[in-house]
Structures are given as structure tokens and as C-alpha cells.
Amino acid sequence: MKLTNEEVAVEAPGRGPQQWAGAPSAALDEDGSVILAYRTRGDGDRNVLARSPDGVHFTTVGTFEAAGMVERPALVRAGSSWRMYTSCSTPDTKHWWVGMLESSTVDDLPKSKHHRIFPGSDVVGVKDPVVRFDGTRWHAWVCCHPLDEPGAEDRMTTAHTTSEDGLTWSPLRTVLNGCSGRWDARGARLTTFLPDDRVTYDGRATAAENWFERTGFATPALVPTDDEPLDFRYLEVLRMPDGTHRAYYEARLPDETHELRTALFGP
């Protein structure tokens, strides 16, 4: 995997630990402009919606905030409708749940009704969905964090589910795990699908590496490969109107600031 012409698409809100911009999800509008949804963390948590004519320089068009923290959103355009699936924490707990906003325009998404789609439970938190609509069915890959062991809630697996309408879903079924003894032993969070049908996912070896995940590769059947992981997380790859592909990802700086970068993506 080759990334070229790397640029900063969104700077962090500040400097240092927990000063983050990242966790991107991208889609094309009818006019070919790029719509980017992402998370910022600093003086509070919010999801930001932004528009760009070239995929590099963005203008904010809206923000969404919840009662607790927010993480990676999933932005989907289906026909004349826009949806943003949200990742929201339950305040003062380790629990997470997934909601959904729907509107005919991107700008109105933050003002729309917030539906709770994947509630999680007392034993599992759910977040960071990757959502696709294939023209007939909805598919979601959801990151699941078990809550049965206090202090070990960073563990993660990826579960798959389908839906007729994107609102009511089939039971979650685990499809991707980390591998014992490897760099991803602590878990695997699916992030995107590559043009060659491979899959990327975030993983970490230990609990101490929480927030410092790396990006690994899996086969179309979601079997992790032996490829060397890349030192960033939350990869998104978008096919542009001219047929090229643009990557968006969250990169860590030496002082633990996280910024949202973009680059052209090649084989």
C-alpha cells in the first residue's frame, strides 16, 4: 500500500495527549465534492461535517455533540438521503452505543432526530461502525468492546450485521479478531475496504497501546495477513470522481497530538 502527497486535512484542536482530530468517514456528494465526517477531542467531543471541492481543503458545515464522548461516525449517502451513524459513550461508564441521524442534506444532519440503532448492553459496548448500502441491503461492521472484565474494556472485536432499512438490524456476528502473540493480540477493529478487495483494521498488542493502534490488513474473507502494519489508525479510502483514490486517516505526532491527514492512495 502506497500513500503519496500526504497533507494535513484537519489540524488537532490543541497540542498534546487527548488533543485529537481524526476518525474520518468520507462520501461524495452529487456535485463530486467530498463530504468528510470526523471526530475532534480537546475542549470537548464533537463530530464535524465538512465539505471540500478537492478532497484536501475543507469547510465546516455542521457539528454534532452528545451527552458523553463521541468517536468515529459513519457517513452514508443513499439516493437522495444522507445518514450519519454516530458513536456515543454513556457518561461515567465504559459503555458505548451507536445512533443515527438522517436528512436530505448534509447541513441538516446535526439537527435531525437522533435514533438509537445499536444500544449495546451491560456486557458489551459498541462503536466505530463502518456502514455500506449495496443498493438493496445495508451492511454494518461494528467494533465491540466486552465489559465483563473491569480495566480490560479496551479489548475489541468486529461484528457484522445486515438490515433491510438501515434501522433494524440482524444480530451481531463476530467476524474479525486479533491474533494471540501478534501486534494485534488485544483486538481488531475493521476500518475500510480497499480497491483490491482487501480489508484494513486497527489493532494493538497491549492495553497500554490503547489510542495508539496501527493499521493492518486482512483478506476479503477477513483473515489477517502477515503484512507489516502501518503507523496510523482509522483509515478511510474514497474513490474520487476522476478514478483515483484518496485516503484519510488519524496520525499521531511525537507529543501524542493526533491530526487528520489525507494522501493519494496507490497499490
C-alpha atoms as a PDB file:
ATOM      1  CA  MET A   1       0.000   0.000   0.000  1.00  0.00           C
ATOM      2  CA  LYS A   2       1.482   3.352  -1.071  1.00  0.00           C
ATOM      3  CA  LEU A   3       0.421   6.813   0.103  1.00  0.00           C
ATOM      4  CA  THR A   4       1.715   9.888  -1.725  1.00  0.00           C
ATOM      5  CA  ASN A   5       1.296  13.654  -1.480  1.00  0.00           C
ATOM      6  CA  GLU A   6       0.423  13.466   2.221  1.00  0.00           C
ATOM      7  CA  GLU A   7      -1.182  16.626   3.610  1.00  0.00           C
ATOM      8  CA  VAL A   8      -2.919  17.685   6.825  1.00  0.00           C
ATOM      9  CA  ALA A   9      -6.658  17.906   6.146  1.00  0.00           C
ATOM     10  CA  VAL A  10      -7.686  18.885   9.699  1.00  0.00           C
ATOM     11  CA  GLU A  11      -5.330  20.095  12.405  1.00  0.00           C
ATOM     12  CA  ALA A  12      -5.763  18.994  16.009  1.00  0.00           C
ATOM     13  CA  PRO A  13      -7.686  21.420  18.277  1.00  0.00           C
ATOM     14  CA  GLY A  14      -4.626  21.749  20.542  1.00  0.00           C
ATOM     15  CA  ARG A  15      -1.305  20.132  21.366  1.00  0.00           C
ATOM     16  CA  GLY A  16      -0.607  17.058  23.474  1.00  0.00           C
ATOM     17  CA  PRO A  17      -2.479  13.972  24.728  1.00  0.00           C
ATOM     18  CA  GLN A  18      -6.226  13.838  24.017  1.00  0.00           C
ATOM     19  CA  GLN A  19      -5.937  16.698  21.516  1.00  0.00           C
ATOM     20  CA  TRP A  20      -7.246  14.854  18.505  1.00  0.00           C
ATOM     21  CA  ALA A  21      -8.696  15.309  15.049  1.00  0.00           C
ATOM     22  CA  GLY A  22      -9.402  12.090  13.193  1.00  0.00           C
ATOM     23  CA  ALA A  23     -11.637   9.013  12.974  1.00  0.00           C
ATOM     24  CA  PRO A  24     -12.803  10.018   9.458  1.00  0.00           C
ATOM     25  CA  SER A  25     -15.608   8.793   7.226  1.00  0.00           C
ATOM     26  CA  ALA A  26     -15.982  10.196   3.704  1.00  0.00           C
ATOM     27  CA  ALA A  27     -18.521  10.197   0.874  1.00  0.00           C
ATOM     28  CA  LEU A  28     -19.083  12.002  -2.421  1.00  0.00           C
ATOM     29  CA  ASP A  29     -21.919  14.463  -2.972  1.00  0.00           C
ATOM     30  CA  GLU A  30     -23.801  14.689  -6.257  1.00  0.00           C
ATOM     31  CA  ASP A  31     -21.554  17.506  -7.482  1.00  0.00           C
ATOM     32  CA  GLY A  32     -18.393  15.473  -6.851  1.00  0.00           C
ATOM     33  CA  SER A  33     -17.367  17.338  -3.705  1.00  0.00           C
ATOM     34  CA  VAL A  34     -16.075  15.333  -0.742  1.00  0.00           C
ATOM     35  CA  ILE A  35     -18.101  15.278   2.473  1.00  0.00           C
ATOM     36  CA  LEU A  36     -15.980  14.355   5.473  1.00  0.00           C
ATOM     37  CA  ALA A  37     -17.313  13.383   8.911  1.00  0.00           C
ATOM     38  CA  TYR A  38     -14.772  13.126  11.711  1.00  0.00           C
ATOM     39  CA  ARG A  39     -14.215  13.411  15.461  1.00  0.00           C
ATOM     40  CA  THR A  40     -12.388  16.149  17.350  1.00  0.00           C
ATOM     41  CA  ARG A  41     -11.403  15.895  21.002  1.00  0.00           C
ATOM     42  CA  GLY A  42      -9.913  18.696  23.054  1.00  0.00           C
ATOM     43  CA  ASP A  43     -12.192  21.179  24.813  1.00  0.00           C
ATOM     44  CA  GLY A  44     -14.975  18.607  24.487  1.00  0.00           C
ATOM     45  CA  ASP A  45     -16.003  15.983  21.956  1.00  0.00           C
ATOM     46  CA  ARG A  46     -17.833  16.601  18.692  1.00  0.00           C
ATOM     47  CA  ASN A  47     -18.394  15.120  15.263  1.00  0.00           C
ATOM     48  CA  VAL A  48     -17.716  17.595  12.481  1.00  0.00           C
ATOM     49  CA  LEU A  49     -19.182  17.575   8.982  1.00  0.00           C
ATOM     50  CA  ALA A  50     -17.125  19.378   6.341  1.00  0.00           C
ATOM     51  CA  ARG A  51     -17.144  19.847   2.570  1.00  0.00           C
ATOM     52  CA  SER A  52     -14.259  20.097   0.089  1.00  0.00           C
ATOM     53  CA  PRO A  53     -14.112  20.592  -3.699  1.00  0.00           C
ATOM     54  CA  ASP A  54     -10.718  18.872  -3.933  1.00  0.00           C
ATOM     55  CA  GLY A  55     -10.704  16.415  -1.007  1.00  0.00           C
ATOM     56  CA  VAL A  56      -7.951  18.339   0.792  1.00  0.00           C
ATOM     57  CA  HIS A  57      -9.229  21.766   1.874  1.00  0.00           C
ATOM     58  CA  PHE A  58     -12.393  21.540   3.972  1.00  0.00           C
ATOM     59  CA  THR A  59     -15.048  23.975   5.176  1.00  0.00           C
ATOM     60  CA  THR A  60     -17.156  23.013   8.199  1.00  0.00           C
ATOM     61  CA  VAL A  61     -20.887  22.798   7.512  1.00  0.00           C
ATOM     62  CA  GLY A  62     -22.126  21.371  10.824  1.00  0.00           C
ATOM     63  CA  THR A  63     -21.259  19.750  14.151  1.00  0.00           C
ATOM     64  CA  PHE A  64     -22.877  17.113  16.358  1.00  0.00           C
ATOM     65  CA  GLU A  65     -22.403  16.678  20.111  1.00  0.00           C
ATOM     66  CA  ALA A  66     -23.781  14.085  22.524  1.00  0.00           C
ATOM     67  CA  ALA A  67     -24.086  13.827  26.304  1.00  0.00           C
ATOM     68  CA  GLY A  68     -20.771  11.984  26.570  1.00  0.00           C
ATOM     69  CA  MET A  69     -17.822  11.406  24.289  1.00  0.00           C
ATOM     70  CA  VAL A  70     -18.152  10.658  20.579  1.00  0.00           C
ATOM     71  CA  GLU A  71     -15.932   8.588  18.318  1.00  0.00           C
ATOM     72  CA  ARG A  72     -15.839   7.602  14.664  1.00  0.00           C
ATOM     73  CA  PRO A  73     -19.009   8.376  12.686  1.00  0.00           C
ATOM     74  CA  ALA A  74     -20.105   6.527   9.542  1.00  0.00           C
ATOM     75  CA  LEU A  75     -21.326   8.766   6.739  1.00  0.00           C
ATOM     76  CA  VAL A  76     -23.517   7.172   4.049  1.00  0.00           C
ATOM     77  CA  ARG A  77     -25.275   8.668   1.021  1.00  0.00           C
ATOM     78  CA  ALA A  78     -28.148   6.501  -0.244  1.00  0.00           C
ATOM     79  CA  GLY A  79     -30.116   8.035  -3.086  1.00  0.00           C
ATOM     80  CA  SER A  80     -31.423  11.416  -2.001  1.00  0.00           C
ATOM     81  CA  SER A  81     -30.855  10.699   1.693  1.00  0.00           C
ATOM     82  CA  TRP A  82     -27.827  11.231   3.918  1.00  0.00           C
ATOM     83  CA  ARG A  83     -27.189   9.264   7.080  1.00  0.00           C
ATOM     84  CA  MET A  84     -24.545   9.607   9.773  1.00  0.00           C
ATOM     85  CA  TYR A  85     -24.211   6.738  12.210  1.00  0.00           C
ATOM     86  CA  THR A  86     -22.721   8.026  15.463  1.00  0.00           C
ATOM     87  CA  SER A  87     -20.574   6.517  18.236  1.00  0.00           C
ATOM     88  CA  CYS A  88     -21.658   7.816  21.648  1.00  0.00           C
ATOM     89  CA  SER A  89     -20.485   6.986  25.150  1.00  0.00           C
ATOM     90  CA  THR A  90     -22.735   6.584  28.168  1.00  0.00           C
ATOM     91  CA  PRO A  91     -21.391   9.205  30.618  1.00  0.00           C
ATOM     92  CA  ASP A  92     -19.348   7.931  33.582  1.00  0.00           C
ATOM     93  CA  THR A  93     -19.205   4.373  32.178  1.00  0.00           C
ATOM     94  CA  LYS A  94     -17.166   2.329  29.704  1.00  0.00           C
ATOM     95  CA  HIS A  95     -20.316   1.647  27.677  1.00  0.00           C
ATOM     96  CA  TRP A  96     -20.774   2.877  24.087  1.00  0.00           C
ATOM     97  CA  TRP A  97     -23.737   2.807  21.717  1.00  0.00           C
ATOM     98  CA  VAL A  98     -24.421   3.669  18.061  1.00  0.00           C
ATOM     99  CA  GLY A  99     -27.043   6.163  16.915  1.00  0.00           C
ATOM    100  CA  MET A 100     -28.145   7.517  13.543  1.00  0.00           C
ATOM    101  CA  LEU A 101     -29.038  10.914  12.052  1.00  0.00           C
ATOM    102  CA  GLU A 102     -30.871  11.183   8.714  1.00  0.00           C
ATOM    103  CA  SER A 103     -31.590  14.138   6.446  1.00  0.00           C
ATOM    104  CA  SER A 104     -31.972  15.098   2.801  1.00  0.00           C
ATOM    105  CA  THR A 105     -28.980  17.437   3.155  1.00  0.00           C
ATOM    106  CA  VAL A 106     -25.620  17.136   4.887  1.00  0.00           C
ATOM    107  CA  ASP A 107     -26.017  20.536   6.555  1.00  0.00           C
ATOM    108  CA  ASP A 108     -29.220  19.432   8.303  1.00  0.00           C
ATOM    109  CA  LEU A 109     -27.885  16.132   9.654  1.00  0.00           C
ATOM    110  CA  PRO A 110     -26.888  17.525  13.084  1.00  0.00           C
ATOM    111  CA  LYS A 111     -30.398  18.980  13.532  1.00  0.00           C
ATOM    112  CA  SER A 112     -32.254  15.751  12.711  1.00  0.00           C
ATOM    113  CA  LYS A 113     -33.693  13.248  15.172  1.00  0.00           C
ATOM    114  CA  HIS A 114     -31.055  11.037  16.794  1.00  0.00           C
ATOM    115  CA  HIS A 115     -32.145   7.381  16.650  1.00  0.00           C
ATOM    116  CA  ARG A 116     -30.503   4.753  18.881  1.00  0.00           C
ATOM    117  CA  ILE A 117     -29.625   1.929  16.468  1.00  0.00           C
ATOM    118  CA  PHE A 118     -27.183  -0.361  18.301  1.00  0.00           C
ATOM    119  CA  PRO A 119     -27.716   0.055  22.054  1.00  0.00           C
ATOM    120  CA  GLY A 120     -25.040  -2.336  23.265  1.00  0.00           C
ATOM    121  CA  SER A 121     -25.704  -3.968  26.633  1.00  0.00           C
ATOM    122  CA  ASP A 122     -24.403  -4.412  30.159  1.00  0.00           C
ATOM    123  CA  VAL A 123     -21.727  -6.765  28.819  1.00  0.00           C
ATOM    124  CA  VAL A 124     -20.667  -5.096  25.562  1.00  0.00           C
ATOM    125  CA  GLY A 125     -20.167  -1.568  24.260  1.00  0.00           C
ATOM    126  CA  VAL A 126     -20.456  -0.882  20.531  1.00  0.00           C
ATOM    127  CA  LYS A 127     -18.897   1.923  18.481  1.00  0.00           C
ATOM    128  CA  ASP A 128     -16.947   2.912  15.336  1.00  0.00           C
ATOM    129  CA  PRO A 129     -19.329   1.408  12.762  1.00  0.00           C
ATOM    130  CA  VAL A 130     -18.453   1.012   9.087  1.00  0.00           C
ATOM    131  CA  VAL A 131     -21.744   1.125   7.159  1.00  0.00           C
ATOM    132  CA  ARG A 132     -22.382   0.362   3.485  1.00  0.00           C
ATOM    133  CA  PHE A 133     -25.548   0.272   1.348  1.00  0.00           C
ATOM    134  CA  ASP A 134     -25.230  -2.045  -1.666  1.00  0.00           C
ATOM    135  CA  GLY A 135     -28.420  -0.853  -3.365  1.00  0.00           C
ATOM    136  CA  THR A 136     -30.662  -3.467  -1.770  1.00  0.00           C
ATOM    137  CA  ARG A 137     -29.322  -4.200   1.718  1.00  0.00           C
ATOM    138  CA  TRP A 138     -27.479  -2.347   4.434  1.00  0.00           C
ATOM    139  CA  HIS A 139     -24.312  -3.823   5.940  1.00  0.00           C
ATOM    140  CA  ALA A 140     -22.539  -2.725   9.125  1.00  0.00           C
ATOM    141  CA  TRP A 141     -19.280  -3.784  10.741  1.00  0.00           C
ATOM    142  CA  VAL A 142     -19.330  -2.707  14.382  1.00  0.00           C
ATOM    143  CA  CYS A 143     -16.484  -2.596  16.896  1.00  0.00           C
ATOM    144  CA  CYS A 144     -17.460  -4.454  20.079  1.00  0.00           C
ATOM    145  CA  HIS A 145     -15.781  -3.909  23.473  1.00  0.00           C
ATOM    146  CA  PRO A 146     -16.508  -6.535  26.151  1.00  0.00           C
ATOM    147  CA  LEU A 147     -17.321  -5.037  29.558  1.00  0.00           C
ATOM    148  CA  ASP A 148     -17.112  -8.208  31.637  1.00  0.00           C
ATOM    149  CA  GLU A 149     -13.597  -7.530  32.981  1.00  0.00           C
ATOM    150  CA  PRO A 150     -13.087  -4.152  34.712  1.00  0.00           C
ATOM    151  CA  GLY A 151      -9.965  -2.437  33.420  1.00  0.00           C
ATOM    152  CA  ALA A 152      -9.891  -4.504  30.222  1.00  0.00           C
ATOM    153  CA  GLU A 153     -12.589  -2.727  28.244  1.00  0.00           C
ATOM    154  CA  ASP A 154     -10.065  -1.807  25.531  1.00  0.00           C
ATOM    155  CA  ARG A 155     -10.314  -5.335  24.087  1.00  0.00           C
ATOM    156  CA  MET A 156     -12.143  -5.298  20.767  1.00  0.00           C
ATOM    157  CA  THR A 157     -13.581  -7.455  18.024  1.00  0.00           C
ATOM    158  CA  THR A 158     -15.541  -6.650  14.863  1.00  0.00           C
ATOM    159  CA  ALA A 159     -19.077  -7.952  14.298  1.00  0.00           C
ATOM    160  CA  HIS A 160     -21.134  -7.887  11.091  1.00  0.00           C
ATOM    161  CA  THR A 161     -24.875  -7.349  10.665  1.00  0.00           C
ATOM    162  CA  THR A 162     -27.339  -6.635   7.851  1.00  0.00           C
ATOM    163  CA  SER A 163     -30.585  -4.697   7.508  1.00  0.00           C
ATOM    164  CA  GLU A 164     -33.371  -4.040   5.033  1.00  0.00           C
ATOM    165  CA  ASP A 165     -33.744  -0.400   6.051  1.00  0.00           C
ATOM    166  CA  GLY A 166     -30.614   0.535   7.997  1.00  0.00           C
ATOM    167  CA  LEU A 167     -32.676   0.913  11.179  1.00  0.00           C
ATOM    168  CA  THR A 168     -33.499  -2.613  12.343  1.00  0.00           C
ATOM    169  CA  TRP A 169     -30.570  -4.996  12.135  1.00  0.00           C
ATOM    170  CA  SER A 170     -29.910  -8.724  12.387  1.00  0.00           C
ATOM    171  CA  PRO A 171     -27.986  -9.974  15.447  1.00  0.00           C
ATOM    172  CA  LEU A 172     -24.310  -9.024  15.545  1.00  0.00           C
ATOM    173  CA  ARG A 173     -21.970 -11.847  14.495  1.00  0.00           C
ATOM    174  CA  THR A 174     -18.232 -11.698  15.230  1.00  0.00           C
ATOM    175  CA  VAL A 175     -16.198 -11.801  12.013  1.00  0.00           C
ATOM    176  CA  LEU A 176     -12.762 -10.382  12.910  1.00  0.00           C
ATOM    177  CA  ASN A 177     -10.489 -10.967  15.903  1.00  0.00           C
ATOM    178  CA  GLY A 178      -6.922 -10.131  16.763  1.00  0.00           C
ATOM    179  CA  CYS A 179      -4.287 -12.875  16.786  1.00  0.00           C
ATOM    180  CA  SER A 180      -2.621 -14.063  20.007  1.00  0.00           C
ATOM    181  CA  GLY A 181       1.082 -13.303  20.151  1.00  0.00           C
ATOM    182  CA  ARG A 182       0.967 -10.718  17.365  1.00  0.00           C
ATOM    183  CA  TRP A 183       0.854  -6.923  17.151  1.00  0.00           C
ATOM    184  CA  ASP A 184      -2.980  -7.159  17.133  1.00  0.00           C
ATOM    185  CA  ALA A 185      -3.373  -9.506  20.107  1.00  0.00           C
ATOM    186  CA  ARG A 186      -5.603  -7.071  22.000  1.00  0.00           C
ATOM    187  CA  GLY A 187      -8.191  -6.838  19.250  1.00  0.00           C
ATOM    188  CA  ALA A 188      -9.216  -5.864  15.730  1.00  0.00           C
ATOM    189  CA  ARG A 189     -11.467  -3.012  14.568  1.00  0.00           C
ATOM    190  CA  LEU A 190     -12.379  -3.064  10.863  1.00  0.00           C
ATOM    191  CA  THR A 191     -11.828   0.354   9.254  1.00  0.00           C
ATOM    192  CA  THR A 192     -12.307   0.219   5.477  1.00  0.00           C
ATOM    193  CA  PHE A 193     -12.329  -1.801   2.261  1.00  0.00           C
ATOM    194  CA  LEU A 194      -9.543  -1.313  -0.285  1.00  0.00           C
ATOM    195  CA  PRO A 195      -9.977  -1.234  -4.088  1.00  0.00           C
ATOM    196  CA  ASP A 196      -8.223  -4.614  -4.380  1.00  0.00           C
ATOM    197  CA  ASP A 197     -10.861  -6.138  -2.021  1.00  0.00           C
ATOM    198  CA  ARG A 198      -8.522  -6.377   0.943  1.00  0.00           C
ATOM    199  CA  VAL A 199      -9.747  -5.053   4.279  1.00  0.00           C
ATOM    200  CA  THR A 200      -7.939  -2.838   6.772  1.00  0.00           C
ATOM    201  CA  TYR A 201      -8.340  -2.886  10.531  1.00  0.00           C
ATOM    202  CA  ASP A 202      -6.919  -1.246  13.647  1.00  0.00           C
ATOM    203  CA  GLY A 203      -5.185  -3.379  16.250  1.00  0.00           C
ATOM    204  CA  ARG A 204      -2.948  -3.206  19.276  1.00  0.00           C
ATOM    205  CA  ALA A 205      -0.747  -5.658  21.167  1.00  0.00           C
ATOM    206  CA  THR A 206      -1.402  -4.490  24.728  1.00  0.00           C
ATOM    207  CA  ALA A 207      -3.811  -2.406  26.789  1.00  0.00           C
ATOM    208  CA  ALA A 208      -1.070   0.235  27.102  1.00  0.00           C
ATOM    209  CA  GLU A 209      -1.333   0.810  23.345  1.00  0.00           C
ATOM    210  CA  ASN A 210      -4.960   1.989  23.602  1.00  0.00           C
ATOM    211  CA  TRP A 211      -5.245   5.133  21.419  1.00  0.00           C
ATOM    212  CA  PHE A 212      -2.018   4.119  19.639  1.00  0.00           C
ATOM    213  CA  GLU A 213      -3.429   1.480  17.291  1.00  0.00           C
ATOM    214  CA  ARG A 214      -1.836   0.609  13.964  1.00  0.00           C
ATOM    215  CA  THR A 215      -3.456  -0.351  10.667  1.00  0.00           C
ATOM    216  CA  GLY A 216      -3.231  -3.947   9.486  1.00  0.00           C
ATOM    217  CA  PHE A 217      -4.563  -5.863   6.506  1.00  0.00           C
ATOM    218  CA  ALA A 218      -6.938  -8.788   6.068  1.00  0.00           C
ATOM    219  CA  THR A 219      -8.158 -10.837   3.122  1.00  0.00           C
ATOM    220  CA  PRO A 220     -11.675 -10.391   1.687  1.00  0.00           C
ATOM    221  CA  ALA A 221     -12.633 -13.313   3.936  1.00  0.00           C
ATOM    222  CA  LEU A 222     -11.406 -11.233   6.937  1.00  0.00           C
ATOM    223  CA  VAL A 223      -8.352 -13.357   7.632  1.00  0.00           C
ATOM    224  CA  PRO A 224      -5.490 -11.157   8.933  1.00  0.00           C
ATOM    225  CA  THR A 225      -2.383 -11.199   6.741  1.00  0.00           C
ATOM    226  CA  ASP A 226       1.304 -11.007   7.673  1.00  0.00           C
ATOM    227  CA  ASP A 227       1.772  -7.577   6.093  1.00  0.00           C
ATOM    228  CA  GLU A 228       3.605  -5.049   8.250  1.00  0.00           C
ATOM    229  CA  PRO A 229       1.083  -2.736   9.958  1.00  0.00           C
ATOM    230  CA  LEU A 230       1.118   0.994   9.200  1.00  0.00           C
ATOM    231  CA  ASP A 231       1.584   3.585  11.930  1.00  0.00           C
ATOM    232  CA  PHE A 232      -1.782   5.351  11.869  1.00  0.00           C
ATOM    233  CA  ARG A 233      -5.391   4.435  12.650  1.00  0.00           C
ATOM    234  CA  TYR A 234      -8.978   4.859  11.394  1.00  0.00           C
ATOM    235  CA  LEU A 235      -8.151   4.567   7.696  1.00  0.00           C
ATOM    236  CA  GLU A 236     -10.813   5.589   5.155  1.00  0.00           C
ATOM    237  CA  VAL A 237     -10.336   5.257   1.373  1.00  0.00           C
ATOM    238  CA  LEU A 238     -12.620   7.116  -1.050  1.00  0.00           C
ATOM    239  CA  ARG A 239     -12.810   6.683  -4.817  1.00  0.00           C
ATOM    240  CA  MET A 240     -12.697  10.145  -6.391  1.00  0.00           C
ATOM    241  CA  PRO A 241     -14.662  11.266  -9.490  1.00  0.00           C
ATOM    242  CA  ASP A 242     -11.508  11.026 -11.667  1.00  0.00           C
ATOM    243  CA  GLY A 243     -10.984   7.377 -10.717  1.00  0.00           C
ATOM    244  CA  THR A 244      -8.136   7.959  -8.266  1.00  0.00           C
ATOM    245  CA  HIS A 245      -8.411   7.074  -4.588  1.00  0.00           C
ATOM    246  CA  ARG A 246      -7.844   9.329  -1.606  1.00  0.00           C
ATOM    247  CA  ALA A 247      -7.006   8.092   1.879  1.00  0.00           C
ATOM    248  CA  TYR A 248      -7.981   9.781   5.142  1.00  0.00           C
ATOM    249  CA  TYR A 249      -6.516   8.663   8.472  1.00  0.00           C
ATOM    250  CA  GLU A 250      -5.634   9.714  12.010  1.00  0.00           C
ATOM    251  CA  ALA A 251      -1.890  10.173  12.531  1.00  0.00           C
ATOM    252  CA  ARG A 252      -0.073  10.535  15.852  1.00  0.00           C
ATOM    253  CA  LEU A 253       2.658  13.131  16.453  1.00  0.00           C
ATOM    254  CA  PRO A 254       5.555  12.663  18.934  1.00  0.00           C
ATOM    255  CA  ASP A 255       3.777  14.754  21.615  1.00  0.00           C
ATOM    256  CA  GLU A 256       0.670  12.479  21.256  1.00  0.00           C
ATOM    257  CA  THR A 257      -1.314  15.082  19.333  1.00  0.00           C
ATOM    258  CA  HIS A 258      -3.466  13.374  16.666  1.00  0.00           C
ATOM    259  CA  GLU A 259      -4.183  15.088  13.340  1.00  0.00           C
ATOM    260  CA  LEU A 260      -6.318  14.088  10.374  1.00  0.00           C
ATOM    261  CA  ARG A 261      -4.249  13.583   7.239  1.00  0.00           C
ATOM    262  CA  THR A 262      -5.052  12.804   3.629  1.00  0.00           C
ATOM    263  CA  ALA A 263      -2.962  11.291   0.849  1.00  0.00           C
ATOM    264  CA  LEU A 264      -3.364   9.811  -2.600  1.00  0.00           C
ATOM    265  CA  PHE A 265      -3.674   6.047  -2.401  1.00  0.00           C
ATOM    266  CA  GLY A 266      -1.989   3.611  -4.748  1.00  0.00           C
ATOM    267  CA  PRO A 267      -1.307  -0.134  -4.987  1.00  0.00           C
END
